[in-house]
Amino acid sequence: MLFRSMQSLLSGGLSGLPEAGIANPAERIKIFQQTHPNAPSSSIKAGKMIMQSEGVMGLYKGYAPLAFRCVIGNGTFFTTLDMAKQVVATKTDNWTVQNTVPGFFAGIATMAANNPLDVMNSLAKQSSKPKTMRQLASQVIQEHGVKGFWKGLEPRLWRPGPGGAIMATAFSWFMGEKS
């Protein structure tokens, strides 16, 4: 079971790197629109505005915290999902319960594990100057204390439990695991 858990953690974590590469421009544009009063409502126009002032790499501002968030989040999600499925399978034969319960807990665990990186990701994308992960962490601690790493966790938890339950159940169904 330990090898399988490590395999899930590594495989899930590594899946976060390409996700971050694709998601970063969208995250950057979203946060730009949320934090700049004169930002256009069109994502394409906002992206062009960023590129005009910062170049194409401006769309990748804050990539490191997002990449870490995706690696930690995906590793946590798939490891928790796999372990919870093994435990729940010993408790019930109900296929729906075997998939929804682990998915629910995997979604919650993911948000709890990656919230500190989500906070730093938001700060990095708002900053006028590039900052290291250490600088971002120091900023959070100076401004809000250690509790600042969990700012915004409560509303983030509203979606992933039910979302994870639905996603895990749909995945298993599409994989043909429901007889």
Foldseek 3Di string as FASTA:
>chain_A
DVVVLVVLLQVQLVVLQVVLVVCQLVVLLVLCPVPPPPQDPDSVSSSVVQCVVPNNCLSCFLSVLSSNLRSQLRSQLRSQLVVQLVVVVVVDPDLLCSFLQSQLVSQLRSLVRRQLSVQLSSVRSPDPDHDDPVVSCVVQCVVPNPCSSCPPSVVSSVPRNRVRSVVRSVVCVVVVVPD
